[in-house]
Protein backbone atom coordinates (compact mmCIF):
# COMPACT_ATOMS: atom_id res chain seq x y z
CA MET A 1 -15.50 -23.24 -2.68
CA GLN A 2 -18.97 -22.92 -4.20
CA GLY A 3 -20.44 -22.00 -0.90
CA VAL A 4 -17.76 -19.30 -0.57
CA ILE A 5 -18.59 -17.90 -4.08
CA ASP A 6 -22.32 -17.98 -3.42
CA TYR A 7 -21.94 -16.07 -0.08
CA LEU A 8 -19.88 -13.30 -1.71
CA SER A 9 -22.48 -12.92 -4.48
CA LYS A 10 -25.46 -12.90 -1.94
CA ASN A 11 -23.78 -10.25 0.36
CA GLU A 12 -22.53 -7.95 -2.42
CA ALA A 13 -24.75 -4.96 -1.56
CA ARG A 14 -23.88 -5.24 2.16
CA PHE A 15 -20.12 -5.25 1.41
CA VAL A 16 -20.33 -2.12 -0.59
CA SER A 17 -22.44 -0.37 2.10
CA GLU A 18 -19.51 -1.49 4.59
CA LEU A 19 -16.90 -0.09 2.29
CA CYS A 20 -18.88 3.20 2.32
CA ASP A 21 -18.68 3.23 5.99
CA TYR A 22 -14.89 2.61 5.97
CA VAL A 23 -14.37 5.38 3.53
CA ARG A 24 -16.26 7.91 5.67
CA PHE A 25 -13.42 8.05 8.11
CA PRO A 26 -11.11 10.94 7.32
CA SER A 27 -8.20 8.89 8.36
CA VAL A 28 -5.43 11.19 7.05
CA SER A 29 -2.19 10.23 8.69
CA ALA A 30 -0.33 13.12 7.50
CA GLN A 31 -2.53 15.82 9.16
CA PRO A 32 -2.47 16.02 13.04
CA GLN A 33 -5.98 17.37 13.13
CA HIS A 34 -7.13 13.96 11.91
CA ARG A 35 -5.32 11.94 14.69
CA SER A 36 -8.66 10.97 16.30
CA ASP A 37 -10.18 10.12 13.09
CA VAL A 38 -7.32 7.81 12.26
CA GLN A 39 -7.79 6.19 15.69
CA ALA A 40 -11.50 5.71 15.15
CA CYS A 41 -10.92 4.17 11.71
CA ALA A 42 -8.53 1.62 13.24
CA LYS A 43 -11.04 0.64 15.85
CA TRP A 44 -13.65 0.21 13.06
CA VAL A 45 -11.19 -2.34 11.30
CA VAL A 46 -10.92 -4.31 14.70
CA GLN A 47 -14.50 -4.33 15.09
CA GLN A 48 -15.13 -5.37 11.51
CA SER A 49 -12.51 -8.07 11.75
CA GLN A 50 -14.08 -9.46 14.97
CA GLU A 51 -17.46 -9.49 13.46
CA ILE A 52 -16.14 -11.57 10.59
CA GLY A 53 -14.64 -14.10 13.06
CA LEU A 54 -11.15 -13.12 13.26
CA GLU A 55 -9.07 -12.70 16.39
CA ALA A 56 -8.31 -9.04 16.16
CA ARG A 57 -6.51 -6.45 18.35
CA LEU A 58 -5.33 -2.79 18.19
CA CYS A 59 -1.61 -2.38 18.72
CA PRO A 60 -0.49 0.93 19.91
CA THR A 61 2.71 2.41 18.29
CA ALA A 62 4.67 5.72 18.67
CA GLY A 63 2.42 6.82 15.81
CA HIS A 64 -0.84 5.59 14.69
CA PRO A 65 -1.96 1.98 15.80
CA ILE A 66 -1.64 -1.19 13.83
CA VAL A 67 -4.41 -3.69 13.44
CA ILE A 68 -3.63 -7.36 13.75
CA ALA A 69 -6.33 -9.87 12.81
CA LYS A 70 -5.88 -13.60 12.77
CA THR A 71 -8.03 -16.52 11.38
CA PRO A 72 -8.92 -19.15 13.87
CA ARG A 73 -6.01 -21.60 14.03
CA ALA A 74 -6.86 -25.28 13.01
CA LYS A 75 -5.76 -27.90 15.62
CA THR A 76 -3.47 -30.12 13.64
CA LYS A 77 -1.02 -32.49 15.16
CA GLY A 78 2.52 -32.67 13.86
CA GLN A 79 1.67 -30.91 10.61
CA ARG A 80 2.48 -27.31 9.77
CA ARG A 81 -0.11 -25.42 7.84
CA PRO A 82 1.01 -22.73 5.50
CA HIS A 83 0.90 -19.16 7.06
CA PHE A 84 0.48 -16.01 4.87
CA LEU A 85 0.36 -12.33 5.98
CA VAL A 86 -2.12 -9.95 4.36
CA TYR A 87 -1.02 -6.41 4.39
CA GLY A 88 -2.93 -3.28 3.89
CA HIS A 89 -3.38 0.26 5.26
CA TYR A 90 -6.36 2.27 6.49
CA ASP A 91 -4.69 5.70 6.38
CA VAL A 92 -5.36 7.94 3.40
CA GLN A 93 -3.80 10.81 1.57
CA PRO A 94 -4.92 14.40 2.24
CA ALA A 95 -7.96 15.38 0.24
CA GLU A 96 -6.90 18.88 -0.69
CA PRO A 97 -7.62 20.66 -3.06
CA LEU A 98 -11.26 20.27 -1.87
CA ASP A 99 -12.71 22.41 -4.61
CA LEU A 100 -11.68 19.98 -7.35
CA TRP A 101 -13.88 17.06 -5.91
CA LYS A 102 -17.19 16.55 -7.62
CA SER A 103 -18.56 15.13 -4.30
CA PRO A 104 -17.25 15.52 -0.73
CA PRO A 105 -14.24 13.22 -0.35
CA PHE A 106 -15.33 11.53 2.82
CA GLU A 107 -19.03 11.37 1.84
CA PRO A 108 -18.77 8.41 -0.53
CA GLN A 109 -21.04 8.10 -3.48
CA VAL A 110 -21.75 5.37 -5.96
CA ARG A 111 -22.25 6.54 -9.44
CA LYS A 112 -22.55 4.08 -12.40
CA GLY A 113 -20.96 1.16 -10.46
CA VAL A 114 -18.02 3.27 -9.33
CA LEU A 115 -17.43 4.35 -5.69
CA TYR A 116 -16.10 7.89 -5.23
CA GLY A 117 -14.26 8.96 -1.98
CA ARG A 118 -10.77 9.41 -0.61
CA GLY A 119 -9.11 6.07 0.21
CA ALA A 120 -11.85 4.02 -1.77
CA SER A 121 -9.04 2.53 -3.94
CA ASP A 122 -5.88 3.46 -1.76
CA ASN A 123 -6.30 1.21 0.13
CA LYS A 124 -9.49 0.59 1.88
CA GLY A 125 -11.41 -1.13 -0.88
CA GLN A 126 -8.59 -3.37 -1.66
CA ASN A 127 -7.91 -4.68 1.92
CA LEU A 128 -11.65 -4.88 2.61
CA ALA A 129 -11.93 -7.19 -0.38
CA HIS A 130 -9.50 -9.56 1.35
CA LEU A 131 -11.34 -9.47 4.63
CA LYS A 132 -14.65 -10.17 2.97
CA ALA A 133 -13.20 -13.16 1.18
CA VAL A 134 -12.22 -14.58 4.47
CA GLU A 135 -15.50 -13.72 5.99
CA ALA A 136 -17.20 -15.98 3.28
CA TYR A 137 -15.05 -18.88 4.26
CA LEU A 138 -15.74 -18.48 8.00
CA LYS A 139 -19.41 -17.79 7.81
CA THR A 140 -20.08 -20.82 5.61
CA GLY A 141 -17.95 -23.22 7.56
CA THR A 142 -15.49 -23.79 4.57
CA GLU A 143 -12.13 -24.69 6.00
CA LEU A 144 -9.23 -22.40 5.03
CA PRO A 145 -6.29 -24.37 3.67
CA CYS A 146 -3.86 -22.08 5.49
CA ASP A 147 -3.49 -19.64 8.51
CA LEU A 148 -3.76 -15.95 7.76
CA THR A 149 -2.72 -12.93 9.73
CA PHE A 150 -3.85 -9.48 8.63
CA VAL A 151 -1.55 -6.54 9.35
CA ILE A 152 -3.33 -3.26 8.53
CA GLU A 153 -1.46 -0.20 9.43
CA GLY A 154 -2.16 3.58 9.70
CA GLU A 155 1.07 5.27 8.51
CA GLU A 156 1.59 4.03 4.91
CA GLU A 157 1.08 7.34 3.45
CA VAL A 158 3.76 8.86 5.75
CA GLY A 159 6.40 6.13 5.22
CA SER A 160 5.24 3.23 7.51
CA THR A 161 7.34 4.82 10.25
CA SER A 162 6.12 2.55 13.09
CA LEU A 163 5.67 -0.66 11.30
CA THR A 164 9.32 -1.61 10.76
CA SER A 165 9.95 -1.69 14.57
CA PHE A 166 6.76 -3.43 14.97
CA LEU A 167 7.78 -6.17 12.57
CA ARG A 168 11.03 -6.59 14.50
CA THR A 169 9.33 -6.91 17.88
CA HIS A 170 6.72 -9.29 16.63
CA ARG A 171 8.97 -11.20 14.25
CA ALA A 172 8.10 -14.75 15.60
CA GLU A 173 4.47 -14.01 15.53
CA LEU A 174 4.38 -12.77 12.08
CA ALA A 175 6.72 -15.37 10.58
CA CYS A 176 5.12 -16.48 7.24
CA ASP A 177 5.56 -18.09 3.88
CA ALA A 178 4.65 -15.05 1.85
CA VAL A 179 3.17 -11.59 2.23
CA VAL A 180 0.02 -10.86 0.15
CA ILE A 181 -0.44 -7.13 -0.86
CA SER A 182 -3.14 -5.49 -2.73
CA ASP A 183 -2.10 -1.85 -2.97
CA THR A 184 -1.01 -1.91 -6.53
CA GLY A 185 -3.00 -1.85 -9.74
CA MET A 186 -4.09 -3.57 -13.03
CA PRO A 187 -4.00 -2.07 -16.41
CA SER A 188 -7.77 -2.86 -16.86
CA LEU A 189 -10.42 -5.41 -15.82
CA LYS A 190 -9.43 -7.45 -18.81
CA HIS A 191 -5.82 -7.31 -17.80
CA PRO A 192 -5.51 -8.43 -14.07
CA ALA A 193 -1.98 -8.08 -12.94
CA LEU A 194 0.73 -9.44 -10.77
CA THR A 195 3.21 -6.72 -9.87
CA TYR A 196 6.70 -8.08 -9.64
CA GLY A 197 8.57 -4.88 -9.07
CA LEU A 198 8.25 -1.49 -7.32
CA ARG A 199 10.35 1.59 -7.62
CA GLY A 200 11.94 2.94 -4.43
CA ILE A 201 11.99 6.52 -3.30
CA THR A 202 13.92 9.09 -1.60
CA ALA A 203 12.29 12.38 -0.52
CA PHE A 204 13.80 15.67 0.52
CA GLU A 205 13.20 19.45 0.90
CA VAL A 206 15.55 22.14 -0.27
CA THR A 207 15.13 25.71 1.19
CA LEU A 208 16.94 28.78 -0.05
CA HIS A 209 17.38 31.63 2.50
CA GLY A 210 17.94 35.12 1.29
CA PRO A 211 17.48 38.46 3.15
CA SER A 212 16.62 38.22 6.85
CA ARG A 213 12.93 39.34 6.14
CA ASP A 214 10.79 39.97 3.07
CA LEU A 215 12.07 43.27 1.47
CA HIS A 216 10.29 45.96 -0.54
CA SER A 217 11.07 45.04 -4.17
CA GLY A 218 11.27 48.65 -5.39
CA LEU A 219 13.68 49.78 -2.72
CA PHE A 220 15.77 46.64 -2.63
CA GLY A 221 15.20 44.67 -5.54
CA GLY A 222 18.27 44.29 -7.91
CA THR A 223 20.72 44.55 -4.96
CA VAL A 224 19.93 41.15 -3.38
CA ASP A 225 19.34 37.76 -4.94
CA ASN A 226 15.64 36.67 -4.98
CA PRO A 227 15.55 33.20 -3.39
CA ALA A 228 12.50 32.34 -5.35
CA MET A 229 14.30 33.09 -8.68
CA ALA A 230 17.57 31.38 -7.43
CA LEU A 231 15.59 28.19 -6.51
CA CYS A 232 13.90 28.04 -9.96
CA GLN A 233 17.39 28.39 -11.56
CA LEU A 234 18.75 25.75 -9.28
CA LEU A 235 15.97 23.29 -9.93
CA GLY A 236 16.11 23.93 -13.64
CA GLN A 237 19.64 22.47 -13.73
CA LEU A 238 18.38 19.08 -12.33
CA ARG A 239 16.96 17.86 -15.69
CA ASP A 240 17.90 18.23 -19.32
CA LYS A 241 15.64 18.45 -22.29
CA LYS A 242 16.00 14.73 -23.05
CA GLY A 243 14.20 14.01 -19.77
CA ARG A 244 17.49 12.83 -18.15
CA VAL A 245 18.39 13.74 -14.44
CA THR A 246 21.71 15.67 -14.63
CA VAL A 247 23.12 14.83 -11.14
CA PRO A 248 26.52 13.23 -11.76
CA GLY A 249 26.39 9.49 -10.99
CA PHE A 250 22.56 9.32 -10.83
CA TYR A 251 22.39 6.37 -13.33
CA ASP A 252 25.57 4.53 -12.33
CA GLU A 253 23.81 1.54 -10.68
CA VAL A 254 20.64 1.51 -12.76
CA GLN A 255 20.09 -1.94 -14.03
CA PRO A 256 19.08 -1.92 -17.76
CA LEU A 257 15.70 -3.42 -18.80
CA SER A 258 16.02 -7.02 -20.03
CA ALA A 259 14.67 -8.09 -23.41
CA TYR A 260 12.05 -10.25 -21.56
CA GLU A 261 10.97 -7.35 -19.52
CA ARG A 262 10.56 -5.04 -22.41
CA LYS A 263 8.56 -7.76 -24.10
CA GLN A 264 6.19 -7.92 -21.04
CA PHE A 265 5.76 -4.18 -21.12
CA ALA A 266 4.85 -4.59 -24.80
CA ARG A 267 2.00 -6.97 -23.80
CA LEU A 268 0.21 -4.40 -21.78
CA PRO A 269 -2.72 -2.36 -23.20
CA PHE A 270 -1.65 1.21 -23.97
CA LYS A 271 -2.50 3.93 -26.25
CA ALA A 272 -0.54 7.19 -26.00
CA ARG A 273 -3.53 9.32 -27.02
CA ASP A 274 -5.72 7.91 -24.27
CA TYR A 275 -2.94 8.08 -21.82
CA GLN A 276 -2.48 11.71 -22.66
CA LYS A 277 -6.14 12.42 -22.24
CA LEU A 278 -6.19 10.62 -19.00
CA VAL A 279 -3.45 12.81 -17.38
CA GLY A 280 -4.69 16.02 -19.14
CA VAL A 281 -1.49 17.24 -20.81
CA PRO A 282 -1.09 18.82 -24.31
CA GLU A 283 1.82 16.57 -24.94
CA LEU A 284 3.58 13.68 -23.19
CA PHE A 285 7.20 13.96 -21.94
CA GLY A 286 9.64 11.61 -20.61
CA GLU A 287 13.20 10.14 -20.92
CA ARG A 288 14.02 9.46 -24.44
CA GLY A 289 14.62 5.86 -25.64
CA PHE A 290 11.81 4.37 -23.42
CA THR A 291 8.08 3.98 -23.83
CA PRO A 292 5.71 5.84 -21.52
CA LEU A 293 4.95 2.56 -19.64
CA GLU A 294 8.72 1.88 -19.05
CA GLN A 295 9.19 5.57 -18.20
CA ARG A 296 6.53 5.44 -15.42
CA ALA A 297 7.35 2.04 -13.92
CA ALA A 298 11.09 1.07 -14.79
CA ARG A 299 13.06 4.19 -14.92
CA PRO A 300 14.15 6.67 -12.23
CA THR A 301 12.68 10.10 -12.05
CA LEU A 302 13.13 13.33 -10.18
CA GLU A 303 9.98 15.35 -9.47
CA ILE A 304 9.20 18.70 -7.83
CA ASN A 305 6.16 17.89 -5.73
CA GLY A 306 5.56 21.46 -4.29
CA LEU A 307 7.00 24.98 -4.51
CA THR A 308 6.63 27.71 -1.84
CA SER A 309 7.83 31.30 -1.53
CA GLY A 310 6.66 34.84 -0.90
CA TYR A 311 3.12 36.26 -1.05
CA GLN A 312 0.40 33.96 -2.39
CA GLY A 313 -2.71 35.76 -1.52
CA GLU A 314 -5.14 37.85 -3.64
CA GLY A 315 -3.71 40.83 -5.53
CA SER A 316 -0.06 41.68 -5.49
CA LYS A 317 2.51 42.45 -2.81
CA THR A 318 5.73 43.83 -4.24
CA ILE A 319 8.35 41.99 -2.27
CA VAL A 320 11.73 40.09 -2.50
CA PRO A 321 10.79 37.08 -0.39
CA SER A 322 13.13 36.02 2.35
CA TRP A 323 13.17 32.24 1.44
CA ALA A 324 11.90 29.76 -1.12
CA ARG A 325 11.40 25.99 -0.66
CA ALA A 326 10.72 23.00 -2.78
CA LYS A 327 9.49 19.52 -1.93
CA ILE A 328 11.13 16.82 -4.12
CA THR A 329 10.89 13.05 -4.46
CA VAL A 330 13.18 10.77 -6.53
CA ARG A 331 11.87 7.43 -7.73
CA LEU A 332 14.47 4.61 -7.81
CA VAL A 333 14.75 1.44 -9.77
CA PRO A 334 16.61 -1.84 -8.90
CA ASN A 335 20.17 -1.37 -7.71
CA GLN A 336 19.81 2.25 -6.72
CA ASP A 337 20.31 2.92 -3.02
CA PRO A 338 18.30 5.78 -1.48
CA GLU A 339 21.09 7.07 0.74
CA ARG A 340 23.72 6.92 -2.05
CA VAL A 341 21.42 8.68 -4.52
CA MET A 342 20.57 11.34 -1.85
CA ALA A 343 24.19 12.00 -1.13
CA ARG A 344 24.88 12.57 -4.82
CA ILE A 345 22.01 14.95 -5.17
CA ARG A 346 23.18 16.90 -1.94
CA GLN A 347 26.67 17.08 -3.40
CA HIS A 348 25.48 18.42 -6.78
CA LEU A 349 23.11 20.98 -5.23
CA GLU A 350 25.91 22.26 -3.01
CA LYS A 351 28.07 22.66 -5.91
CA VAL A 352 25.72 24.72 -8.11
CA CYS A 353 24.00 26.74 -5.36
CA PRO A 354 24.97 30.44 -5.79
CA PRO A 355 26.77 32.12 -2.83
CA THR A 356 24.03 34.86 -2.77
CA VAL A 357 21.66 32.51 -0.82
CA ARG A 358 22.04 29.98 1.94
CA MET A 359 20.85 26.45 1.15
CA GLU A 360 19.33 23.98 3.69
CA ILE A 361 18.45 20.49 2.69
CA ASP A 362 16.19 18.32 4.85
CA ALA A 363 16.08 14.70 3.95
CA GLY A 364 12.85 12.77 4.27
CA HIS A 365 11.64 9.22 4.04
CA GLY A 366 13.15 6.75 1.71
CA ALA A 367 12.73 3.11 0.38
CA GLU A 368 14.75 0.78 -1.71
CA PRO A 369 13.25 -0.56 -5.00
CA TYR A 370 11.98 -4.12 -4.83
CA VAL A 371 11.85 -6.99 -7.65
CA VAL A 372 10.74 -10.65 -7.17
CA SER A 373 10.93 -13.45 -9.78
CA PRO A 374 7.58 -13.73 -11.49
CA THR A 375 8.27 -17.41 -12.37
CA GLY A 376 8.28 -18.96 -8.89
CA PRO A 377 5.58 -21.22 -7.58
CA GLN A 378 3.93 -18.67 -5.51
CA ALA A 379 3.78 -15.99 -8.24
CA GLN A 380 2.29 -18.62 -10.61
CA ALA A 381 -0.25 -19.44 -7.87
CA ALA A 382 -1.31 -15.84 -7.79
CA LEU A 383 -1.54 -15.79 -11.61
CA ARG A 384 -3.87 -18.69 -11.56
CA ALA A 385 -6.11 -16.98 -8.80
CA LEU A 386 -6.31 -13.86 -10.88
CA LYS A 387 -7.34 -15.69 -14.07
CA LEU A 388 -10.04 -17.72 -12.06
CA ALA A 389 -11.57 -14.46 -10.65
CA PHE A 390 -11.32 -12.08 -13.54
CA GLY A 391 -11.66 -14.61 -16.40
CA HIS A 392 -8.75 -13.22 -18.49
CA GLU A 393 -5.11 -13.89 -18.77
CA PRO A 394 -3.06 -12.08 -16.29
CA VAL A 395 -0.16 -9.77 -17.21
CA LEU A 396 3.22 -9.11 -15.36
CA VAL A 397 3.83 -5.40 -14.48
CA ARG A 398 6.25 -3.26 -12.60
CA GLU A 399 4.68 -0.48 -10.57
CA GLY A 400 5.99 3.08 -10.65
CA GLY A 401 4.95 3.83 -7.06
CA SER A 402 6.60 2.72 -3.89
CA ILE A 403 5.49 0.62 -0.88
CA PRO A 404 8.26 1.22 1.48
CA ILE A 405 7.45 -1.56 3.88
CA VAL A 406 7.77 -4.30 1.22
CA ASN A 407 11.56 -4.41 1.57
CA GLU A 408 11.18 -4.51 5.31
CA PHE A 409 9.09 -7.65 5.03
CA LYS A 410 11.76 -9.26 3.02
CA LYS A 411 14.58 -8.17 5.39
CA ILE A 412 12.80 -8.88 8.61
CA LEU A 413 10.54 -11.68 8.00
CA LYS A 414 12.53 -13.29 5.03
CA ALA A 415 9.29 -13.40 3.02
CA ASP A 416 8.61 -12.37 -0.59
CA ALA A 417 5.61 -10.11 -1.37
CA LEU A 418 2.88 -11.13 -3.91
CA MET A 419 1.35 -7.96 -5.17
CA VAL A 420 -2.11 -8.54 -6.58
CA GLY A 421 -3.56 -5.03 -7.00
CA LEU A 422 -7.13 -4.15 -7.56
CA GLY A 423 -6.91 -0.55 -8.74
CA LEU A 424 -7.21 0.86 -12.17
CA PRO A 425 -5.03 3.50 -13.85
CA ASP A 426 -7.81 6.20 -13.72
CA ASP A 427 -8.67 5.67 -10.05
CA ASN A 428 -7.09 9.01 -9.15
CA ALA A 429 -5.21 7.76 -6.12
CA HIS A 430 -3.56 10.76 -4.35
CA SER A 431 -5.73 13.09 -6.46
CA PRO A 432 -9.20 14.66 -6.35
CA ASN A 433 -12.18 12.46 -7.24
CA GLU A 434 -10.53 9.16 -6.06
CA LYS A 435 -12.56 6.13 -7.05
CA PHE A 436 -12.89 2.42 -6.94
CA ASP A 437 -14.67 0.23 -9.63
CA LEU A 438 -17.07 -2.06 -7.79
CA ALA A 439 -16.31 -4.76 -10.35
CA CYS A 440 -12.64 -4.59 -9.04
CA PHE A 441 -14.12 -4.86 -5.61
CA THR A 442 -16.24 -7.89 -6.45
CA ASN A 443 -13.79 -9.81 -8.60
CA GLY A 444 -11.05 -8.89 -6.12
CA GLN A 445 -12.99 -10.77 -3.28
CA LEU A 446 -13.18 -13.85 -5.74
CA MET A 447 -9.44 -13.58 -6.43
CA CYS A 448 -8.73 -13.48 -2.58
CA ALA A 449 -10.84 -16.53 -2.02
CA HIS A 450 -9.14 -18.61 -4.91
CA LEU A 451 -5.75 -17.33 -3.72
CA TRP A 452 -5.55 -19.37 -0.51
CA GLN A 453 -6.44 -22.54 -2.37
CA GLU A 454 -3.85 -21.87 -5.01
CA LEU A 455 -1.05 -20.65 -2.61
CA SER A 456 -1.49 -23.71 -0.51
CA LYS A 457 -0.81 -26.05 -3.22
CA ALA A 458 2.28 -24.08 -4.42
């Protein structure tokens, strides 16, 4: 292992340069104008994997391609080697609003040991750390104690649409003992973390249609309902002053936090004032009876992601808009089913929608919540690898975000996911000025190197 560790240290500067090359691709899966950029990024990952010494190929899908890269298989007779899957994604979120970036989102810059650029943390820096750890094994002739297959997709940010069918088709090839994922985070460099739970999600759009066209507000205002006003009133009925979602039955299947889980949350470093400053609000708000850490990771929420209606250019345009639309996502916790929750929301909205407008609801992507026992042998192996790399006792966390494909790995491959994220809370994933602390990148490579040793002994 010392040769692996020395190789990682010796090549640190080159690895950062290659991460910059990776981040330069505007691989925004949600925007059709970047389709060729997504393709180019996928090809770069294949080439990078092949240069490392992996057997890599580009797998076309109905959407964006999937990269499969395998370590050379050891020739052992009559003995099965452990096989682990490493999952990541090369696609990134849209960079807008561009004017809020301090440097161009796809022109990565290193400032004070931090790399800035869209996708640096989510997820290019994290999956490249895994690839570089394997490079250190292969280039130094150090035998890996297990077989590895990388699955790096290009549609995570749009719901992993193609990967589910890909897993089914390649079930035999991808059969594994566990799936390792670094697409989550840690509270700080002194608190490396194993994420044992994720919230699920259901997304939808609600549109209210009013008059057949925009109307002059002076001539027609007051005689027809304003869809924008009606939508605001409708949305205002979805949450009460205590931060609780008011949809009937919304909390029926929510599993209460155990005393053990609340104790784990209490171990995490957290100062309300620092968190308030981080998110830039005059005062925090959340469901009463729970701490901010519990609210953001272990309680269900309903959030308005976007509102659109009427004239939004410079100056004024005195109209009654013909329609208004809201994009909404609901985060779900263990035992909540996305389809059941969506059905309850739809029923409630139909009940409270006024007859003066016509409502249209379009359901989007969804994913179930995920929880795995943090006390099993594989989880304990991951905790040991984290401690060896970061030099601090790891913590157990539940993540507020969603990784939709995690449940598909469990259903299709019958494999649990070990989530050892390398991102920090202020990395601005999905926001302007996304960043990745290069200490996370370096220590993450060490963690990956130790992980295969520890997992193979579990």
